[in-house]
Each structure stands twice: as C-alpha cells, then as structure tokens.
Amino acid sequence: QAAKSARTVVIAGIPDGLLHDDVMTDILMIHFQMSKNNGGDVEEVMYPTMKKGVAYVTFEDEEVVESVLKKDEHLLEDKRLSQYYPLKVTRYCENVSSFIIYLVVLPL
C-alpha cells in the first residue's frame, strides 16, 4: 500500500460556513468518488482543517490521485449548495503543503 501522503490531495476553495462540517465532508467525499470527476474510492476526508476552506482527501489507490489531478476543473456541486464552487486540487507534499496552502488561500 502506497504511503498515505502519496494518496492524498489538498483541496482549496471550499465554501466556508455555508453548511455543517459533517455535511461538507460528505459532499467532498461524494465529489471525489464520482467517475465524472475522475475520482475513486476515498479512504478519508479531513475537514475542517487548520486552514479555512481547505480539506485533505486520501484515496485508497495512488492512481486515483493522478486522474483527479488531470481533470481540468473541479466544480463542487450539490443540491444543498446554492451555486457551483470551483476547487483547487493540488498534490499533497509533506514538505511544501503549508506553503502551497498559503499561496492558494492567501494570494500574494
């Protein structure tokens, strides 16, 4: 089994405070399991995190990370959300993850 970090992506752009955290976690899990989003079996969704609007999604297979990253645009959609929300999906890297999140969440 591949190391957990190799099977994890960082998701930014999650609308904060619209829905209960449990509900948003479910919506994220569903989004990243759907084949139309190049998804696959999700092992874990870590949300909320210390960074506002950011989640970590860990897949069961490392190959799913590659296919999710290849998708041009991830739009978070659910009947419980009033609109579509574009998500920024990046590869998780233990050394630079906090730096990437900083750049994504707080534009320079």
N, C-alpha and C. Protein backbone atom coordinates (compact mmCIF):
# COMPACT_ATOMS: atom_id res chain seq x y z
N GLN A 1 0.85 -1.20 0.00
CA GLN A 1 0.00 0.00 0.00
C GLN A 1 0.89 1.25 0.00
N ALA A 2 0.58 2.14 -0.91
CA ALA A 2 1.38 3.36 -1.03
C ALA A 2 1.25 4.20 0.23
N ALA A 3 2.30 4.96 0.51
CA ALA A 3 2.29 5.84 1.67
C ALA A 3 1.07 6.76 1.58
N LYS A 4 0.53 7.08 2.74
CA LYS A 4 -0.69 7.89 2.78
C LYS A 4 -0.50 9.23 2.07
N SER A 5 0.65 9.85 2.25
CA SER A 5 0.87 11.17 1.63
C SER A 5 0.83 11.08 0.10
N ALA A 6 1.22 9.94 -0.46
CA ALA A 6 1.20 9.78 -1.92
C ALA A 6 -0.21 9.57 -2.44
N ARG A 7 -1.13 9.25 -1.55
CA ARG A 7 -2.52 9.01 -1.94
C ARG A 7 -3.43 10.17 -1.55
N THR A 8 -2.84 11.29 -1.17
CA THR A 8 -3.61 12.43 -0.65
C THR A 8 -3.49 13.64 -1.55
N VAL A 9 -4.60 14.36 -1.71
CA VAL A 9 -4.60 15.64 -2.42
C VAL A 9 -5.09 16.72 -1.45
N VAL A 10 -4.68 17.95 -1.74
CA VAL A 10 -5.10 19.11 -0.96
C VAL A 10 -6.19 19.82 -1.77
N ILE A 11 -7.30 20.10 -1.14
CA ILE A 11 -8.42 20.77 -1.79
C ILE A 11 -8.57 22.15 -1.17
N ALA A 12 -8.55 23.17 -2.00
CA ALA A 12 -8.75 24.55 -1.51
C ALA A 12 -9.95 25.14 -2.24
N GLY A 13 -10.56 26.15 -1.63
CA GLY A 13 -11.70 26.82 -2.25
C GLY A 13 -13.04 26.32 -1.76
N ILE A 14 -13.02 25.55 -0.69
CA ILE A 14 -14.27 25.02 -0.13
C ILE A 14 -15.02 26.18 0.54
N PRO A 15 -16.30 26.36 0.18
CA PRO A 15 -17.05 27.47 0.79
C PRO A 15 -17.17 27.25 2.29
N ASP A 16 -16.74 28.23 3.04
CA ASP A 16 -16.67 28.09 4.49
C ASP A 16 -17.94 28.61 5.15
N GLY A 17 -18.45 27.85 6.11
CA GLY A 17 -19.56 28.33 6.93
C GLY A 17 -20.94 28.21 6.30
N LEU A 18 -21.05 27.65 5.09
CA LEU A 18 -22.37 27.52 4.46
C LEU A 18 -23.16 26.35 5.03
N LEU A 19 -22.45 25.26 5.25
CA LEU A 19 -23.08 24.04 5.72
C LEU A 19 -22.32 23.51 6.93
N HIS A 20 -22.96 22.62 7.66
CA HIS A 20 -22.29 21.97 8.79
C HIS A 20 -21.08 21.20 8.26
N ASP A 21 -20.01 21.14 9.04
CA ASP A 21 -18.78 20.47 8.61
C ASP A 21 -19.01 19.03 8.17
N ASP A 22 -19.87 18.31 8.89
CA ASP A 22 -20.15 16.90 8.52
C ASP A 22 -20.76 16.82 7.13
N VAL A 23 -21.67 17.75 6.83
CA VAL A 23 -22.35 17.76 5.53
C VAL A 23 -21.33 18.07 4.43
N MET A 24 -20.47 19.05 4.66
CA MET A 24 -19.46 19.41 3.66
C MET A 24 -18.50 18.24 3.44
N THR A 25 -18.14 17.55 4.51
CA THR A 25 -17.28 16.37 4.38
C THR A 25 -17.93 15.33 3.48
N ASP A 26 -19.22 15.09 3.67
CA ASP A 26 -19.96 14.14 2.83
C ASP A 26 -19.97 14.58 1.37
N ILE A 27 -20.23 15.87 1.14
CA ILE A 27 -20.27 16.40 -0.23
C ILE A 27 -18.91 16.21 -0.90
N LEU A 28 -17.85 16.50 -0.17
CA LEU A 28 -16.49 16.32 -0.73
C LEU A 28 -16.22 14.85 -1.04
N MET A 29 -16.62 13.97 -0.13
CA MET A 29 -16.39 12.54 -0.36
C MET A 29 -17.12 12.08 -1.62
N ILE A 30 -18.38 12.48 -1.75
CA ILE A 30 -19.17 12.11 -2.93
C ILE A 30 -18.52 12.66 -4.20
N HIS A 31 -18.11 13.93 -4.17
CA HIS A 31 -17.49 14.56 -5.35
C HIS A 31 -16.28 13.76 -5.82
N PHE A 32 -15.42 13.38 -4.88
CA PHE A 32 -14.16 12.73 -5.26
C PHE A 32 -14.30 11.22 -5.46
N GLN A 33 -15.50 10.69 -5.25
CA GLN A 33 -15.75 9.29 -5.58
C GLN A 33 -16.38 9.15 -6.97
N MET A 34 -16.91 10.24 -7.51
CA MET A 34 -17.63 10.17 -8.78
C MET A 34 -16.68 10.01 -9.96
N SER A 35 -17.05 9.12 -10.88
CA SER A 35 -16.19 8.89 -12.05
C SER A 35 -16.14 10.12 -12.95
N LYS A 36 -17.22 10.93 -12.99
CA LYS A 36 -17.18 12.13 -13.83
C LYS A 36 -16.15 13.16 -13.34
N ASN A 37 -15.72 13.00 -12.09
CA ASN A 37 -14.68 13.87 -11.54
C ASN A 37 -13.32 13.16 -11.51
N ASN A 38 -13.23 12.07 -12.29
CA ASN A 38 -12.00 11.24 -12.33
C ASN A 38 -11.68 10.66 -10.96
N GLY A 39 -12.68 10.52 -10.11
CA GLY A 39 -12.47 10.08 -8.74
C GLY A 39 -12.38 8.58 -8.58
N GLY A 40 -12.35 8.15 -7.33
CA GLY A 40 -12.28 6.74 -6.99
C GLY A 40 -12.57 6.56 -5.52
N ASP A 41 -12.25 5.38 -5.01
CA ASP A 41 -12.56 5.09 -3.61
C ASP A 41 -11.78 6.01 -2.67
N VAL A 42 -12.54 6.69 -1.83
CA VAL A 42 -11.95 7.62 -0.86
C VAL A 42 -11.79 6.91 0.47
N GLU A 43 -10.58 6.99 1.00
CA GLU A 43 -10.31 6.37 2.31
C GLU A 43 -10.70 7.34 3.43
N GLU A 44 -10.40 8.63 3.22
CA GLU A 44 -10.63 9.60 4.30
C GLU A 44 -10.72 11.02 3.74
N VAL A 45 -11.61 11.80 4.33
CA VAL A 45 -11.68 13.24 4.05
C VAL A 45 -11.41 13.95 5.37
N MET A 46 -10.35 14.76 5.38
CA MET A 46 -10.03 15.53 6.59
C MET A 46 -10.55 16.95 6.40
N TYR A 47 -11.65 17.26 7.07
CA TYR A 47 -12.25 18.59 7.00
C TYR A 47 -13.10 18.77 8.25
N PRO A 48 -13.07 19.90 8.89
CA PRO A 48 -12.23 21.07 8.58
C PRO A 48 -10.78 20.82 9.00
N THR A 49 -9.91 21.68 8.49
CA THR A 49 -8.51 21.64 8.86
C THR A 49 -8.14 22.98 9.49
N MET A 50 -6.87 23.14 9.85
CA MET A 50 -6.45 24.40 10.46
C MET A 50 -6.51 25.56 9.47
N LYS A 51 -6.53 25.25 8.19
CA LYS A 51 -6.63 26.30 7.17
C LYS A 51 -8.09 26.38 6.70
N LYS A 52 -8.65 27.58 6.74
CA LYS A 52 -10.03 27.80 6.35
C LYS A 52 -10.25 27.45 4.87
N GLY A 53 -11.30 26.69 4.59
CA GLY A 53 -11.64 26.37 3.21
C GLY A 53 -10.76 25.30 2.57
N VAL A 54 -9.98 24.57 3.39
CA VAL A 54 -9.06 23.57 2.88
C VAL A 54 -9.38 22.20 3.47
N ALA A 55 -9.30 21.17 2.62
CA ALA A 55 -9.50 19.79 3.08
C ALA A 55 -8.40 18.92 2.50
N TYR A 56 -8.21 17.77 3.11
CA TYR A 56 -7.31 16.75 2.58
C TYR A 56 -8.15 15.53 2.25
N VAL A 57 -7.99 15.03 1.03
CA VAL A 57 -8.72 13.83 0.61
C VAL A 57 -7.69 12.74 0.33
N THR A 58 -7.83 11.61 1.03
CA THR A 58 -6.93 10.47 0.82
C THR A 58 -7.70 9.37 0.11
N PHE A 59 -7.14 8.91 -1.01
CA PHE A 59 -7.76 7.85 -1.79
C PHE A 59 -7.16 6.50 -1.41
N GLU A 60 -7.88 5.43 -1.74
CA GLU A 60 -7.37 4.09 -1.47
C GLU A 60 -6.23 3.73 -2.42
N ASP A 61 -6.29 4.26 -3.65
CA ASP A 61 -5.27 3.95 -4.66
C ASP A 61 -4.55 5.22 -5.11
N GLU A 62 -3.25 5.12 -5.24
CA GLU A 62 -2.44 6.25 -5.67
C GLU A 62 -2.79 6.70 -7.09
N GLU A 63 -3.23 5.75 -7.95
CA GLU A 63 -3.57 6.10 -9.33
C GLU A 63 -4.71 7.12 -9.40
N VAL A 64 -5.60 7.07 -8.42
CA VAL A 64 -6.75 7.99 -8.42
C VAL A 64 -6.25 9.43 -8.26
N VAL A 65 -5.20 9.62 -7.49
CA VAL A 65 -4.62 10.96 -7.32
C VAL A 65 -4.24 11.53 -8.69
N GLU A 66 -3.58 10.71 -9.50
CA GLU A 66 -3.16 11.17 -10.83
C GLU A 66 -4.35 11.56 -11.69
N SER A 67 -5.41 10.74 -11.68
CA SER A 67 -6.55 11.05 -12.54
C SER A 67 -7.31 12.28 -12.05
N VAL A 68 -7.41 12.44 -10.73
CA VAL A 68 -8.09 13.62 -10.17
C VAL A 68 -7.32 14.89 -10.54
N LEU A 69 -6.00 14.81 -10.49
CA LEU A 69 -5.17 15.98 -10.83
C LEU A 69 -5.24 16.33 -12.32
N LYS A 70 -5.55 15.33 -13.15
CA LYS A 70 -5.62 15.57 -14.61
C LYS A 70 -6.89 16.30 -15.01
N LYS A 71 -7.92 16.22 -14.18
CA LYS A 71 -9.19 16.89 -14.52
C LYS A 71 -8.98 18.40 -14.52
N ASP A 72 -9.42 19.03 -15.62
CA ASP A 72 -9.19 20.47 -15.80
C ASP A 72 -9.81 21.31 -14.69
N GLU A 73 -11.07 21.00 -14.39
CA GLU A 73 -11.78 21.86 -13.45
C GLU A 73 -12.65 21.02 -12.52
N HIS A 74 -12.50 21.23 -11.24
CA HIS A 74 -13.36 20.56 -10.26
C HIS A 74 -14.36 21.59 -9.76
N LEU A 75 -15.65 21.36 -10.05
CA LEU A 75 -16.71 22.23 -9.55
C LEU A 75 -17.49 21.46 -8.49
N LEU A 76 -17.48 22.00 -7.30
CA LEU A 76 -18.24 21.38 -6.21
C LEU A 76 -19.70 21.71 -6.40
N GLU A 77 -20.52 20.67 -6.61
CA GLU A 77 -21.95 20.92 -6.79
C GLU A 77 -22.74 19.93 -5.96
N ASP A 78 -23.82 20.43 -5.40
CA ASP A 78 -24.69 19.61 -4.57
C ASP A 78 -25.99 20.39 -4.40
N LYS A 79 -27.08 19.66 -4.27
CA LYS A 79 -28.38 20.37 -4.14
C LYS A 79 -28.44 21.22 -2.87
N ARG A 80 -27.56 20.92 -1.91
CA ARG A 80 -27.55 21.70 -0.66
C ARG A 80 -26.73 22.99 -0.80
N LEU A 81 -26.04 23.13 -1.93
CA LEU A 81 -25.25 24.36 -2.18
C LEU A 81 -26.02 25.23 -3.17
N SER A 82 -25.98 26.53 -2.98
CA SER A 82 -26.76 27.43 -3.83
C SER A 82 -26.11 27.65 -5.19
N GLN A 83 -24.84 27.32 -5.32
CA GLN A 83 -24.14 27.52 -6.60
C GLN A 83 -22.98 26.52 -6.70
N TYR A 84 -22.29 26.54 -7.83
CA TYR A 84 -21.11 25.69 -8.00
C TYR A 84 -19.90 26.43 -7.43
N TYR A 85 -19.00 25.68 -6.83
CA TYR A 85 -17.78 26.28 -6.28
C TYR A 85 -16.56 25.63 -6.94
N PRO A 86 -15.73 26.43 -7.61
CA PRO A 86 -14.51 25.86 -8.21
C PRO A 86 -13.51 25.49 -7.10
N LEU A 87 -12.95 24.30 -7.21
CA LEU A 87 -11.99 23.83 -6.22
C LEU A 87 -10.60 23.81 -6.84
N LYS A 88 -9.61 24.10 -6.05
CA LYS A 88 -8.21 23.97 -6.48
C LYS A 88 -7.68 22.68 -5.87
N VAL A 89 -7.25 21.77 -6.72
CA VAL A 89 -6.77 20.47 -6.27
C VAL A 89 -5.28 20.37 -6.55
N THR A 90 -4.50 20.13 -5.50
CA THR A 90 -3.05 20.01 -5.67
C THR A 90 -2.56 18.75 -4.97
N ARG A 91 -1.42 18.28 -5.42
CA ARG A 91 -0.80 17.10 -4.83
C ARG A 91 -0.33 17.43 -3.41
N TYR A 92 -0.54 16.52 -2.50
CA TYR A 92 -0.06 16.71 -1.13
C TYR A 92 1.43 16.40 -1.08
N CYS A 93 2.16 17.29 -0.45
CA CYS A 93 3.59 17.08 -0.28
C CYS A 93 3.93 17.53 1.13
N GLU A 94 4.47 16.63 1.91
CA GLU A 94 4.69 16.94 3.33
C GLU A 94 5.57 18.17 3.53
N ASN A 95 6.55 18.36 2.67
CA ASN A 95 7.50 19.46 2.86
C ASN A 95 6.91 20.81 2.51
N VAL A 96 6.11 20.86 1.45
CA VAL A 96 5.66 22.17 0.97
C VAL A 96 4.15 22.37 1.09
N SER A 97 3.45 21.44 1.72
CA SER A 97 1.99 21.57 1.76
C SER A 97 1.55 22.88 2.41
N SER A 98 2.19 23.27 3.49
CA SER A 98 1.74 24.50 4.15
C SER A 98 2.05 25.71 3.27
N PHE A 99 3.14 25.66 2.51
CA PHE A 99 3.48 26.75 1.61
C PHE A 99 2.47 26.84 0.47
N ILE A 100 2.12 25.69 -0.11
CA ILE A 100 1.14 25.66 -1.20
C ILE A 100 -0.20 26.19 -0.70
N ILE A 101 -0.62 25.73 0.46
CA ILE A 101 -1.90 26.18 1.01
C ILE A 101 -1.86 27.69 1.23
N TYR A 102 -0.75 28.18 1.70
CA TYR A 102 -0.61 29.62 1.92
C TYR A 102 -0.81 30.37 0.61
N LEU A 103 -0.21 29.89 -0.47
CA LEU A 103 -0.33 30.56 -1.76
C LEU A 103 -1.75 30.46 -2.31
N VAL A 104 -2.39 29.30 -2.12
CA VAL A 104 -3.72 29.09 -2.66
C VAL A 104 -4.76 29.90 -1.89
N VAL A 105 -4.65 29.89 -0.59
CA VAL A 105 -5.69 30.51 0.24
C VAL A 105 -5.46 32.02 0.40
N LEU A 106 -4.21 32.43 0.46
CA LEU A 106 -3.91 33.84 0.64
C LEU A 106 -3.07 34.35 -0.54
N PRO A 107 -3.74 34.76 -1.63
CA PRO A 107 -2.99 35.24 -2.79
C PRO A 107 -2.04 36.38 -2.39
N LEU A 108 -0.90 36.41 -3.03
CA LEU A 108 0.12 37.43 -2.69
C LEU A 108 -0.33 38.82 -3.11
